[in-house]
Each structure stands twice: as structure tokens, then as C-alpha cells.
Amino acid sequence: MAAGSPVNATELPLDLVNPPVSADEPLDARDIELVQTTFKKVAEVGPEAAGRILFGHIFRIAPEAKGLFPFARDEETMWLPGSQLEKHGARVVNTVATAVSLLNDLEA
């Protein structure tokens, strides 16, 4: 499991390595299954927690990104339950969940 990741690759019913996934090729059925299966595991923590994890990673990797979000200016309150960060993160995760659920509907 990657550091800080809520998903343990050994818990997934798919082989994440073989055959290799190519970012240069269009999505195929296996790619879609990989995305939907792994996202389902992430979604198990709930959109609020997944959103906090997401923004935690973003702000750790790029601290300057905090300046883009008004809710990220108060370090003491931005991580609290019910905070604007939590609400925004949940909206982002719910939007991604919708996109992931529609991957089978993509036109070739």
C-alpha cells in the first residue's frame, strides 16, 4: 500500500501490473474496470474523508495551492468536521464518482 493510501493493492481482485497500462492508448474495458474497482475501494471511506485525504495530499505536495482556496487560510479550522474544506472535498469526490461510474458510457 502506498504511504497514506486507503487502498491496499493486495485487496483488489485485479492485477494492477500485468498487462501494463499504457497512458498513450485509449481506455479499454480492463482500464475502466481498474479505475472503477480501485475508486470503489477509495469511496468506502466516504466522500468527506476521501476529500480530506485528497486535499491533504495536494497541500503536502504543493503548499502554495492553499492560496487558491479561501477555506485553506485557517489551518486550525480547515480540517474540522463540517468545514468548508470537507464540504468542497466531498463535492470533488462525488463529481469524480459520477465520472467514474459513467466510464462505460464513453463513445469510442
C-alpha atoms as a PDB file:
ATOM      1  CA  MET A   1       0.000   0.000   0.000  1.00  0.00           C
ATOM      2  CA  ALA A   2       1.316   3.444  -0.871  1.00  0.00           C
ATOM      3  CA  ALA A   3       2.064   5.684   2.086  1.00  0.00           C
ATOM      4  CA  GLY A   4      -1.152   7.332   3.204  1.00  0.00           C
ATOM      5  CA  SER A   5      -3.238   5.324   0.718  1.00  0.00           C
ATOM      6  CA  PRO A   6      -6.528   3.848   1.936  1.00  0.00           C
ATOM      7  CA  VAL A   7      -6.290   1.091  -0.693  1.00  0.00           C
ATOM      8  CA  ASN A   8      -4.137  -1.998  -0.310  1.00  0.00           C
ATOM      9  CA  ALA A   9      -3.395  -3.406  -3.782  1.00  0.00           C
ATOM     10  CA  THR A  10      -3.497  -6.974  -2.418  1.00  0.00           C
ATOM     11  CA  GLU A  11      -7.186  -6.435  -1.528  1.00  0.00           C
ATOM     12  CA  LEU A  12      -8.107  -5.755  -5.151  1.00  0.00           C
ATOM     13  CA  PRO A  13      -9.372  -8.590  -7.363  1.00  0.00           C
ATOM     14  CA  LEU A  14      -7.427  -7.254 -10.366  1.00  0.00           C
ATOM     15  CA  ASP A  15      -3.792  -7.395 -11.337  1.00  0.00           C
ATOM     16  CA  LEU A  16      -2.664  -3.768 -11.351  1.00  0.00           C
ATOM     17  CA  VAL A  17       0.607  -4.518 -13.116  1.00  0.00           C
ATOM     18  CA  ASN A  18       0.058  -7.148 -15.813  1.00  0.00           C
ATOM     19  CA  PRO A  19      -0.600  -6.421 -18.536  1.00  0.00           C
ATOM     20  CA  PRO A  20       0.868  -2.943 -18.167  1.00  0.00           C
ATOM     21  CA  VAL A  21      -1.454   0.021 -18.589  1.00  0.00           C
ATOM     22  CA  SER A  22      -0.432   2.485 -21.287  1.00  0.00           C
ATOM     23  CA  ALA A  23      -1.299   6.156 -20.842  1.00  0.00           C
ATOM     24  CA  ASP A  24      -0.796   6.583 -24.602  1.00  0.00           C
ATOM     25  CA  GLU A  25      -3.629   4.215 -25.528  1.00  0.00           C
ATOM     26  CA  PRO A  26      -7.385   4.797 -25.291  1.00  0.00           C
ATOM     27  CA  LEU A  27      -9.194   3.325 -22.298  1.00  0.00           C
ATOM     28  CA  ASP A  28     -10.168  -0.288 -22.759  1.00  0.00           C
ATOM     29  CA  ALA A  29     -12.524  -2.458 -20.701  1.00  0.00           C
ATOM     30  CA  ARG A  30      -9.701  -3.523 -18.347  1.00  0.00           C
ATOM     31  CA  ASP A  31      -8.657   0.078 -17.735  1.00  0.00           C
ATOM     32  CA  ILE A  32     -12.233   1.010 -16.877  1.00  0.00           C
ATOM     33  CA  GLU A  33     -12.546  -1.971 -14.550  1.00  0.00           C
ATOM     34  CA  LEU A  34      -9.277  -0.985 -12.826  1.00  0.00           C
ATOM     35  CA  VAL A  35     -10.465   2.607 -12.318  1.00  0.00           C
ATOM     36  CA  GLN A  36     -13.922   1.608 -11.107  1.00  0.00           C
ATOM     37  CA  THR A  37     -12.650  -1.133  -8.789  1.00  0.00           C
ATOM     38  CA  THR A  38      -9.937   0.987  -7.201  1.00  0.00           C
ATOM     39  CA  PHE A  39     -12.232   4.001  -6.879  1.00  0.00           C
ATOM     40  CA  LYS A  40     -14.847   1.830  -5.176  1.00  0.00           C
ATOM     41  CA  LYS A  41     -12.246   0.955  -2.517  1.00  0.00           C
ATOM     42  CA  VAL A  42     -11.339   4.617  -2.040  1.00  0.00           C
ATOM     43  CA  ALA A  43     -15.017   5.579  -1.867  1.00  0.00           C
ATOM     44  CA  GLU A  44     -15.537   3.157   1.031  1.00  0.00           C
ATOM     45  CA  VAL A  45     -14.050   5.746   3.374  1.00  0.00           C
ATOM     46  CA  GLY A  46     -16.811   8.171   2.353  1.00  0.00           C
ATOM     47  CA  PRO A  47     -16.643  11.365   0.305  1.00  0.00           C
ATOM     48  CA  GLU A  48     -15.779  13.622   3.252  1.00  0.00           C
ATOM     49  CA  ALA A  49     -12.810  11.528   4.374  1.00  0.00           C
ATOM     50  CA  ALA A  50     -11.672  10.901   0.788  1.00  0.00           C
ATOM     51  CA  GLY A  51     -11.854  14.655   0.125  1.00  0.00           C
ATOM     52  CA  ARG A  52      -9.765  15.432   3.219  1.00  0.00           C
ATOM     53  CA  ILE A  53      -7.200  12.828   2.118  1.00  0.00           C
ATOM     54  CA  LEU A  54      -7.150  14.283  -1.401  1.00  0.00           C
ATOM     55  CA  PHE A  55      -6.633  17.864  -0.254  1.00  0.00           C
ATOM     56  CA  GLY A  56      -4.124  16.730   2.364  1.00  0.00           C
ATOM     57  CA  HIS A  57      -2.046  15.213  -0.448  1.00  0.00           C
ATOM     58  CA  ILE A  58      -2.464  18.272  -2.657  1.00  0.00           C
ATOM     59  CA  PHE A  59      -1.413  20.679   0.097  1.00  0.00           C
ATOM     60  CA  ARG A  60       1.515  18.479   1.151  1.00  0.00           C
ATOM     61  CA  ILE A  61       2.800  18.227  -2.444  1.00  0.00           C
ATOM     62  CA  ALA A  62       2.063  21.863  -3.366  1.00  0.00           C
ATOM     63  CA  PRO A  63       1.626  24.025  -0.239  1.00  0.00           C
ATOM     64  CA  GLU A  64       1.221  27.086  -2.449  1.00  0.00           C
ATOM     65  CA  ALA A  65      -2.096  25.599  -3.650  1.00  0.00           C
ATOM     66  CA  LYS A  66      -3.646  26.653  -0.334  1.00  0.00           C
ATOM     67  CA  GLY A  67      -3.716  30.188  -1.702  1.00  0.00           C
ATOM     68  CA  LEU A  68      -6.236  29.051  -4.327  1.00  0.00           C
ATOM     69  CA  PHE A  69      -8.814  28.036  -1.712  1.00  0.00           C
ATOM     70  CA  PRO A  70     -10.274  30.586   0.717  1.00  0.00           C
ATOM     71  CA  PHE A  71     -11.150  27.787   3.157  1.00  0.00           C
ATOM     72  CA  ALA A  72      -7.473  26.794   3.399  1.00  0.00           C
ATOM     73  CA  ARG A  73      -6.348  30.011   5.050  1.00  0.00           C
ATOM     74  CA  ASP A  74      -7.205  28.927   8.592  1.00  0.00           C
ATOM     75  CA  GLU A  75      -5.075  25.901   9.459  1.00  0.00           C
ATOM     76  CA  GLU A  76      -6.826  25.457  12.806  1.00  0.00           C
ATOM     77  CA  THR A  77     -10.344  25.034  11.425  1.00  0.00           C
ATOM     78  CA  MET A  78      -9.971  23.841   7.850  1.00  0.00           C
ATOM     79  CA  TRP A  79      -9.652  20.157   8.824  1.00  0.00           C
ATOM     80  CA  LEU A  80     -12.557  20.103  11.266  1.00  0.00           C
ATOM     81  CA  PRO A  81     -15.695  18.048  10.525  1.00  0.00           C
ATOM     82  CA  GLY A  82     -18.215  20.165   8.655  1.00  0.00           C
ATOM     83  CA  SER A  83     -15.551  22.636   7.460  1.00  0.00           C
ATOM     84  CA  GLN A  84     -15.636  24.247   4.029  1.00  0.00           C
ATOM     85  CA  LEU A  85     -12.659  22.072   3.042  1.00  0.00           C
ATOM     86  CA  GLU A  86     -14.608  18.945   3.960  1.00  0.00           C
ATOM     87  CA  LYS A  87     -17.665  20.120   2.019  1.00  0.00           C
ATOM     88  CA  HIS A  88     -15.612  21.075  -1.039  1.00  0.00           C
ATOM     89  CA  GLY A  89     -13.614  17.841  -0.900  1.00  0.00           C
ATOM     90  CA  ALA A  90     -16.833  15.811  -0.731  1.00  0.00           C
ATOM     91  CA  ARG A  91     -18.199  17.649  -3.783  1.00  0.00           C
ATOM     92  CA  VAL A  92     -14.979  16.931  -5.702  1.00  0.00           C
ATOM     93  CA  VAL A  93     -15.051  13.244  -4.736  1.00  0.00           C
ATOM     94  CA  ASN A  94     -18.755  12.952  -5.609  1.00  0.00           C
ATOM     95  CA  THR A  95     -18.091  14.535  -9.009  1.00  0.00           C
ATOM     96  CA  VAL A  96     -15.239  12.099  -9.663  1.00  0.00           C
ATOM     97  CA  ALA A  97     -17.521   9.245  -8.546  1.00  0.00           C
ATOM     98  CA  THR A  98     -20.071  10.295 -11.151  1.00  0.00           C
ATOM     99  CA  ALA A  99     -17.417  10.444 -13.867  1.00  0.00           C
ATOM    100  CA  VAL A 100     -16.018   7.048 -12.847  1.00  0.00           C
ATOM    101  CA  SER A 101     -19.499   5.498 -12.881  1.00  0.00           C
ATOM    102  CA  LEU A 102     -20.014   6.737 -16.456  1.00  0.00           C
ATOM    103  CA  LEU A 103     -16.752   5.418 -17.926  1.00  0.00           C
ATOM    104  CA  ASN A 104     -18.597   2.567 -19.638  1.00  0.00           C
ATOM    105  CA  ASP A 105     -20.697   5.157 -21.461  1.00  0.00           C
ATOM    106  CA  LEU A 106     -17.750   6.762 -23.279  1.00  0.00           C
ATOM    107  CA  GLU A 107     -18.004   6.826 -27.027  1.00  0.00           C
ATOM    108  CA  ALA A 108     -15.163   5.208 -28.914  1.00  0.00           C
END
